Amino acid sequence: MINSQILTQPIWWRLTLSLIAALSLALTTTSCTDRQNFADATSETTAQNIPSKATNTQSVVLRVGFISTESKIPIGPEGWALEKGTLASELKPLGVSEVKFIPFVGGPALNEALASDSLDLGLYGDTPALAGRSAGLKTKLINQTRVGQNAWLVTKKNGPRTVEDLKGGKIGVAKGTYPHRYLLGLLDQKGLTSNVKLVQIQGAEAKVALERGDIAAYPFAMGAGPTVIAQGFPVIDQAIDHQGLVGTGVTIATVAFLSKHPDFPQKWNQIRQQAVQEIKANPEVFYQFAAKASGGLSLPAVKESYPLSLYPPQPFTPEGLKLLNSTKQFLVAQKLLKSDFNIKDWQIPNP
């Protein structure tokens, strides 16, 4: 378990939602026991090209943040619906004139955009979404768009061959992300929490860090994991091999947006359900779309990263909610959330 005596509550948790300043983080090598950096990562600032808030409530631009380093639209039912023209046409009766997807390199930066009223919706991993909600972000949980997100623990070539071999070494990780939660859970299970050091590294920089030998391993998210493995980097563990360590992807909306558009969640989930049905009826067409939208992923990497089973047609499933609650409980137990809360209170009513 993480040594809580070393840690203090991060400054960002104490900031009010209405006044969040841009923080400049000096991220350095830390031990895996450093909760301060995990929490700080949830407020990491990344420069983004974010459109201004639409003022005409009769004709609004829906601003949707999602996580990506390459793709311009989400890989999944939301991006599929946009590509097919369904998303814009179905939302038009609600006064949405345009849907603008805005990529972010990680959940912490997306949280900051939500807090500063630069986004209306967020599509991202459960861990940063939970961290944001616990810190006071006024959001509602619209759905779990993905259930069972894998993460791959990859090592440098000719490096460690087992998780136990990582003892005494450095592991890179993008803190505040769902692979970070997987990594912390894995190290806890293996009794290695206090025997490794974590280094803050974004996914786009991880391969080079492995090649240089700066780190011994890195937990890659979907897309990147299968890609680096295909390039000869060994994988020594996967989230899907451990009960409760896979991630879920969530869709959250700001309370301010929902107060003006109370019918939005139902319509959004209807659009998503239709898209999921289309995807599962046309898997090869979907994978061709996903490979193109990804900005360079191979077809095998897309298929391994985004299996059709990842997308439940319902907004919430018993399995998905169990995983979400398990992740929240783990983060609370490790004192990585500012406050505890009930997932049911976060969900939209009667989805």
Protein backbone atom coordinates (compact mmCIF):
# COMPACT_ATOMS: atom_id res chain seq x y z
CA MET A 1 0.00 0.00 0.00
CA ILE A 2 1.09 3.57 -0.56
CA ASN A 3 2.68 5.29 2.45
CA SER A 4 0.17 8.04 3.26
CA GLN A 5 2.49 9.69 5.79
CA ILE A 6 4.72 10.94 3.01
CA LEU A 7 1.90 12.75 1.27
CA THR A 8 -0.08 15.91 1.64
CA GLN A 9 -3.22 16.97 -0.06
CA PRO A 10 -2.35 18.77 -3.35
CA ILE A 11 -3.08 22.44 -3.77
CA TRP A 12 -5.34 21.86 -6.76
CA TRP A 13 -7.87 19.97 -4.64
CA ARG A 14 -8.35 23.09 -2.53
CA LEU A 15 -9.08 25.39 -5.42
CA THR A 16 -12.70 26.28 -5.96
CA LEU A 17 -14.31 25.25 -9.21
CA SER A 18 -15.06 28.81 -10.22
CA LEU A 19 -11.44 30.00 -9.97
CA ILE A 20 -8.88 27.60 -11.37
CA ALA A 21 -5.55 29.06 -12.37
CA ALA A 22 -3.26 27.48 -14.92
CA LEU A 23 -0.74 25.40 -13.04
CA SER A 24 2.78 24.72 -14.22
CA LEU A 25 3.88 21.34 -12.96
CA ALA A 26 7.51 20.47 -12.51
CA LEU A 27 7.16 16.73 -12.87
CA THR A 28 10.21 14.82 -11.71
CA THR A 29 11.09 11.27 -10.91
CA THR A 30 9.21 10.17 -7.82
CA SER A 31 8.59 6.98 -5.96
CA CYS A 32 5.45 5.03 -6.60
CA THR A 33 4.30 6.12 -3.19
CA ASP A 34 3.93 9.76 -4.26
CA ARG A 35 0.20 10.55 -4.12
CA GLN A 36 0.94 14.24 -4.50
CA ASN A 37 1.95 13.74 -8.13
CA PHE A 38 -1.06 11.56 -8.87
CA ALA A 39 -3.38 14.28 -7.63
CA ASP A 40 -1.40 17.07 -9.28
CA ALA A 41 -1.69 15.21 -12.57
CA THR A 42 -5.43 15.70 -12.46
CA SER A 43 -4.86 19.44 -12.88
CA GLU A 44 -2.04 19.32 -15.43
CA THR A 45 -2.40 22.15 -17.96
CA THR A 46 -2.01 21.46 -21.67
CA ALA A 47 -2.42 24.16 -24.29
CA GLN A 48 -5.50 23.44 -26.38
CA ASN A 49 -7.26 25.19 -29.23
CA ILE A 50 -10.64 25.52 -27.52
CA PRO A 51 -13.56 27.38 -29.09
CA SER A 52 -15.25 30.08 -27.07
CA LYS A 53 -18.49 29.46 -25.21
CA ALA A 54 -21.55 29.75 -27.42
CA THR A 55 -23.88 32.41 -26.05
CA ASN A 56 -26.96 31.71 -28.14
CA THR A 57 -28.85 28.99 -26.31
CA GLN A 58 -31.06 28.52 -29.36
CA SER A 59 -28.08 27.60 -31.54
CA VAL A 60 -25.10 26.23 -29.65
CA VAL A 61 -21.81 24.65 -30.61
CA LEU A 62 -21.47 21.47 -28.55
CA ARG A 63 -17.86 21.29 -27.37
CA VAL A 64 -16.74 17.72 -26.68
CA GLY A 65 -13.31 16.88 -25.29
CA PHE A 66 -11.77 13.46 -25.85
CA ILE A 67 -8.39 11.80 -25.39
CA SER A 68 -6.09 11.40 -28.38
CA THR A 69 -2.60 12.14 -29.63
CA GLU A 70 -3.37 11.56 -33.31
CA SER A 71 -7.07 11.21 -34.16
CA LYS A 72 -9.32 14.22 -34.75
CA ILE A 73 -12.52 12.44 -33.72
CA PRO A 74 -13.15 9.71 -31.12
CA ILE A 75 -12.67 6.11 -32.20
CA GLY A 76 -16.00 4.60 -31.25
CA PRO A 77 -19.74 5.12 -31.66
CA GLU A 78 -19.52 8.89 -31.16
CA GLY A 79 -16.98 9.35 -33.94
CA TRP A 80 -18.88 6.89 -36.14
CA ALA A 81 -22.11 8.87 -35.67
CA LEU A 82 -20.32 12.09 -36.56
CA GLU A 83 -18.79 10.53 -39.68
CA LYS A 84 -22.18 9.22 -40.81
CA GLY A 85 -23.88 12.56 -40.22
CA THR A 86 -26.23 11.13 -37.61
CA LEU A 87 -24.85 13.10 -34.69
CA ALA A 88 -25.39 16.57 -36.14
CA SER A 89 -28.82 15.86 -37.62
CA GLU A 90 -30.21 14.18 -34.50
CA LEU A 91 -28.98 16.94 -32.17
CA LYS A 92 -30.23 19.79 -34.33
CA PRO A 93 -33.77 19.75 -32.82
CA LEU A 94 -32.14 20.41 -29.43
CA GLY A 95 -30.58 23.62 -30.74
CA VAL A 96 -27.12 22.17 -31.42
CA SER A 97 -25.85 23.73 -34.62
CA GLU A 98 -22.44 22.03 -34.60
CA VAL A 99 -20.55 19.32 -32.72
CA LYS A 100 -16.89 20.20 -32.23
CA PHE A 101 -14.59 17.42 -30.99
CA ILE A 102 -11.44 18.69 -29.26
CA PRO A 103 -8.53 16.27 -28.60
CA PHE A 104 -6.60 16.33 -25.32
CA VAL A 105 -3.43 14.44 -24.48
CA GLY A 106 -4.81 13.29 -21.13
CA GLY A 107 -7.67 13.39 -18.67
CA PRO A 108 -6.14 15.96 -16.30
CA ALA A 109 -6.02 18.59 -19.05
CA LEU A 110 -9.57 17.73 -20.06
CA ASN A 111 -10.68 18.21 -16.45
CA GLU A 112 -9.20 21.69 -16.43
CA ALA A 113 -11.05 22.60 -19.61
CA LEU A 114 -14.30 21.42 -18.04
CA ALA A 115 -13.58 23.42 -14.89
CA SER A 116 -12.93 26.59 -16.89
CA ASP A 117 -16.19 26.20 -18.85
CA SER A 118 -14.33 25.55 -22.11
CA LEU A 119 -16.14 22.21 -22.69
CA ASP A 120 -19.68 20.93 -22.39
CA LEU A 121 -18.95 17.20 -22.64
CA GLY A 122 -16.00 14.93 -21.91
CA LEU A 123 -15.24 11.45 -23.24
CA TYR A 124 -12.36 9.93 -21.28
CA GLY A 125 -11.20 7.31 -18.81
CA ASP A 126 -12.89 6.63 -15.50
CA THR A 127 -9.91 7.54 -13.30
CA PRO A 128 -9.55 11.22 -14.30
CA ALA A 129 -13.33 11.59 -14.42
CA LEU A 130 -13.65 10.28 -10.86
CA ALA A 131 -10.80 12.53 -9.72
CA GLY A 132 -12.48 15.56 -11.23
CA ARG A 133 -15.85 14.77 -9.68
CA SER A 134 -14.31 14.20 -6.26
CA ALA A 135 -12.53 17.56 -6.50
CA GLY A 136 -15.75 19.44 -7.13
CA LEU A 137 -16.25 19.48 -10.89
CA LYS A 138 -19.97 19.96 -11.41
CA THR A 139 -20.66 17.17 -13.87
CA LYS A 140 -23.13 14.38 -14.45
CA LEU A 141 -22.35 10.88 -15.67
CA ILE A 142 -24.18 10.37 -18.98
CA ASN A 143 -22.98 6.85 -19.82
CA GLN A 144 -20.10 4.41 -19.86
CA THR A 145 -19.17 4.44 -23.50
CA ARG A 146 -16.55 1.70 -23.06
CA VAL A 147 -16.35 -1.18 -20.62
CA GLY A 148 -13.18 -3.27 -20.33
CA GLN A 149 -10.40 -1.00 -21.60
CA ASN A 150 -7.13 -2.89 -21.67
CA ALA A 151 -3.68 -1.58 -20.79
CA TRP A 152 -0.40 -3.26 -21.69
CA LEU A 153 2.68 -3.17 -19.44
CA VAL A 154 5.55 -3.05 -21.92
CA THR A 155 9.26 -3.28 -21.12
CA LYS A 156 12.40 -2.20 -22.89
CA LYS A 157 13.97 -4.70 -25.26
CA ASN A 158 16.21 -7.20 -23.48
CA GLY A 159 14.84 -5.80 -20.22
CA PRO A 160 12.71 -7.21 -17.40
CA ARG A 161 10.74 -10.32 -18.28
CA THR A 162 8.32 -10.37 -15.37
CA VAL A 163 6.58 -7.81 -13.19
CA GLU A 164 8.73 -8.95 -10.27
CA ASP A 165 11.85 -8.06 -12.27
CA LEU A 166 10.81 -4.40 -12.09
CA LYS A 167 11.80 -4.24 -8.42
CA GLY A 168 14.21 -1.36 -7.89
CA GLY A 169 13.58 0.07 -11.34
CA LYS A 170 11.82 3.04 -12.89
CA ILE A 171 8.42 2.83 -14.55
CA GLY A 172 7.04 5.59 -16.73
CA VAL A 173 3.35 6.47 -16.59
CA ALA A 174 0.96 9.23 -17.59
CA LYS A 175 -0.35 10.06 -14.15
CA GLY A 176 -4.05 10.50 -13.52
CA THR A 177 -5.02 8.14 -16.37
CA TYR A 178 -6.70 4.74 -16.41
CA PRO A 179 -3.37 2.94 -17.17
CA HIS A 180 -1.98 4.68 -14.07
CA ARG A 181 -4.76 3.19 -11.96
CA TYR A 182 -4.04 -0.24 -13.52
CA LEU A 183 -0.34 0.11 -12.75
CA LEU A 184 -0.94 1.12 -9.13
CA GLY A 185 -3.31 -1.81 -8.66
CA LEU A 186 -0.86 -4.24 -10.22
CA LEU A 187 2.06 -3.06 -8.09
CA ASP A 188 -0.12 -3.27 -5.01
CA GLN A 189 -1.06 -6.86 -5.84
CA LYS A 190 2.59 -7.79 -6.40
CA GLY A 191 3.82 -6.06 -3.25
CA LEU A 192 6.05 -3.72 -5.25
CA THR A 193 4.48 -0.39 -4.41
CA SER A 194 7.40 0.88 -2.36
CA ASN A 195 10.05 -0.85 -4.48
CA VAL A 196 9.77 1.02 -7.78
CA LYS A 197 9.95 4.63 -8.88
CA LEU A 198 7.42 6.30 -11.15
CA VAL A 199 8.37 8.84 -13.79
CA GLN A 200 5.76 11.14 -15.34
CA ILE A 201 5.86 10.52 -19.10
CA GLN A 202 3.12 11.08 -21.66
CA GLY A 203 2.28 8.17 -23.93
CA ALA A 204 3.73 9.85 -27.03
CA GLU A 205 7.16 9.99 -25.36
CA ALA A 206 7.14 6.53 -23.78
CA LYS A 207 8.63 4.54 -26.67
CA VAL A 208 11.68 6.79 -26.89
CA ALA A 209 12.13 6.62 -23.11
CA LEU A 210 12.09 2.82 -23.29
CA GLU A 211 14.58 2.79 -26.17
CA ARG A 212 16.98 5.06 -24.27
CA GLY A 213 16.69 2.94 -21.17
CA ASP A 214 15.34 5.87 -19.12
CA ILE A 215 12.59 3.59 -17.84
CA ALA A 216 12.23 -0.16 -17.53
CA ALA A 217 8.52 -0.35 -18.37
CA TYR A 218 5.45 1.64 -19.33
CA PRO A 219 1.69 0.88 -19.19
CA PHE A 220 0.37 1.74 -22.64
CA ALA A 221 -3.26 2.53 -23.37
CA MET A 222 -5.35 1.32 -26.30
CA GLY A 223 -3.87 1.92 -29.71
CA ALA A 224 -0.32 2.51 -28.54
CA GLY A 225 0.00 -0.80 -26.67
CA PRO A 226 -0.51 -3.19 -29.60
CA THR A 227 1.53 -0.87 -31.84
CA VAL A 228 4.73 -0.95 -29.76
CA ILE A 229 4.32 -4.66 -29.09
CA ALA A 230 4.19 -5.27 -32.85
CA GLN A 231 7.48 -3.35 -33.07
CA GLY A 232 9.22 -5.88 -30.86
CA PHE A 233 8.80 -4.46 -27.36
CA PRO A 234 7.96 -7.22 -24.85
CA VAL A 235 4.68 -7.14 -22.93
CA ILE A 236 4.86 -8.64 -19.44
CA ASP A 237 1.35 -7.96 -18.19
CA GLN A 238 -2.11 -6.79 -19.27
CA ALA A 239 -5.01 -5.28 -17.38
CA ILE A 240 -7.41 -7.89 -18.78
CA ASP A 241 -5.48 -10.57 -16.88
CA HIS A 242 -6.57 -9.08 -13.55
CA GLN A 243 -10.10 -8.83 -12.27
CA GLY A 244 -11.06 -5.24 -11.60
CA LEU A 245 -8.03 -3.60 -13.25
CA VAL A 246 -9.49 -2.96 -16.70
CA GLY A 247 -10.78 0.53 -17.30
CA THR A 248 -14.05 2.01 -18.41
CA GLY A 249 -14.60 5.03 -20.60
CA VAL A 250 -17.21 7.53 -19.47
CA THR A 251 -19.19 10.39 -20.94
CA ILE A 252 -19.80 13.28 -18.59
CA ALA A 253 -21.60 16.59 -19.15
CA THR A 254 -21.38 19.80 -17.17
CA VAL A 255 -24.33 20.64 -14.96
CA ALA A 256 -24.41 24.11 -16.55
CA PHE A 257 -24.95 22.62 -20.02
CA LEU A 258 -27.56 20.13 -18.82
CA SER A 259 -29.51 22.87 -17.04
CA LYS A 260 -30.08 24.49 -20.45
CA HIS A 261 -30.54 21.21 -22.33
CA PRO A 262 -32.28 18.73 -20.00
CA ASP A 263 -33.29 16.46 -22.90
CA PHE A 264 -29.74 16.07 -24.10
CA PRO A 265 -28.69 12.88 -22.21
CA GLN A 266 -31.59 10.83 -23.54
CA LYS A 267 -31.01 11.97 -27.13
CA TRP A 268 -27.24 11.47 -26.90
CA ASN A 269 -27.66 7.93 -25.62
CA GLN A 270 -30.20 7.14 -28.34
CA ILE A 271 -27.73 8.29 -30.99
CA ARG A 272 -24.96 6.28 -29.37
CA GLN A 273 -27.12 3.14 -29.14
CA GLN A 274 -27.94 3.36 -32.84
CA ALA A 275 -24.24 3.79 -33.66
CA VAL A 276 -23.28 0.75 -31.57
CA GLN A 277 -25.85 -1.34 -33.42
CA GLU A 278 -24.46 -0.16 -36.76
CA ILE A 279 -20.88 -0.86 -35.69
CA LYS A 280 -21.67 -4.40 -34.58
CA ALA A 281 -23.60 -5.06 -37.77
CA ASN A 282 -20.68 -3.81 -39.91
CA PRO A 283 -17.49 -4.70 -37.99
CA GLU A 284 -15.07 -4.57 -40.92
CA VAL A 285 -16.43 -1.22 -42.08
CA PHE A 286 -16.06 0.09 -38.53
CA TYR A 287 -12.46 -1.08 -38.27
CA GLN A 288 -11.62 0.60 -41.57
CA PHE A 289 -13.15 3.79 -40.19
CA ALA A 290 -11.25 3.40 -36.89
CA ALA A 291 -7.92 2.84 -38.64
CA LYS A 292 -8.45 5.95 -40.75
CA ALA A 293 -9.65 8.05 -37.80
CA SER A 294 -6.74 6.92 -35.61
CA GLY A 295 -4.22 8.82 -37.69
CA GLY A 296 -1.96 5.88 -38.44
CA LEU A 297 -2.82 2.74 -36.46
CA SER A 298 -2.57 -0.53 -38.32
CA LEU A 299 -5.71 -2.58 -38.81
CA PRO A 300 -4.46 -5.35 -36.42
CA ALA A 301 -3.68 -2.75 -33.73
CA VAL A 302 -7.14 -1.23 -34.13
CA LYS A 303 -8.85 -4.61 -33.84
CA GLU A 304 -6.91 -5.54 -30.71
CA SER A 305 -7.39 -2.14 -29.11
CA TYR A 306 -11.07 -1.64 -29.89
CA PRO A 307 -12.90 -4.99 -29.80
CA LEU A 308 -16.63 -4.69 -30.45
CA SER A 309 -17.28 -6.06 -26.94
CA LEU A 310 -15.86 -2.78 -25.63
CA TYR A 311 -19.06 -0.92 -26.57
CA PRO A 312 -22.21 -1.84 -24.64
CA PRO A 313 -25.44 -0.59 -26.25
CA GLN A 314 -26.89 0.44 -22.88
CA PRO A 315 -25.74 3.62 -21.12
CA PHE A 316 -24.92 1.57 -18.02
CA THR A 317 -24.44 -2.14 -17.37
CA PRO A 318 -24.02 -4.05 -14.09
CA GLU A 319 -20.48 -5.02 -15.11
CA GLY A 320 -19.57 -1.47 -16.04
CA LEU A 321 -20.91 0.04 -12.83
CA LYS A 322 -19.15 -2.64 -10.78
CA LEU A 323 -15.85 -1.74 -12.43
CA LEU A 324 -16.46 1.98 -11.95
CA ASN A 325 -17.26 1.53 -8.26
CA SER A 326 -14.22 -0.73 -7.83
CA THR A 327 -11.95 1.91 -9.33
CA LYS A 328 -13.44 4.61 -7.12
CA GLN A 329 -13.07 2.49 -3.98
CA PHE A 330 -9.42 1.77 -4.81
CA LEU A 331 -8.64 5.45 -5.34
CA VAL A 332 -10.44 6.39 -2.11
CA ALA A 333 -8.60 3.70 -0.16
CA GLN A 334 -5.28 4.98 -1.47
CA LYS A 335 -6.29 8.56 -0.58
CA LEU A 336 -6.02 9.56 -4.22
CA LEU A 337 -9.42 11.27 -4.30
CA LYS A 338 -10.25 14.42 -2.41
CA SER A 339 -13.62 13.07 -1.31
CA ASP A 340 -15.81 10.01 -1.63
CA PHE A 341 -19.21 10.10 -3.28
CA ASN A 342 -21.97 7.79 -4.45
CA ILE A 343 -21.84 6.87 -8.13
CA LYS A 344 -25.65 6.80 -8.17
CA ASP A 345 -25.70 10.48 -7.19
CA TRP A 346 -23.39 11.22 -10.12
CA GLN A 347 -25.43 9.36 -12.73
CA ILE A 348 -28.16 11.07 -14.68
CA PRO A 349 -31.55 10.02 -13.30
CA ASN A 350 -33.52 7.34 -15.16
CA PRO A 351 -31.07 6.92 -18.05
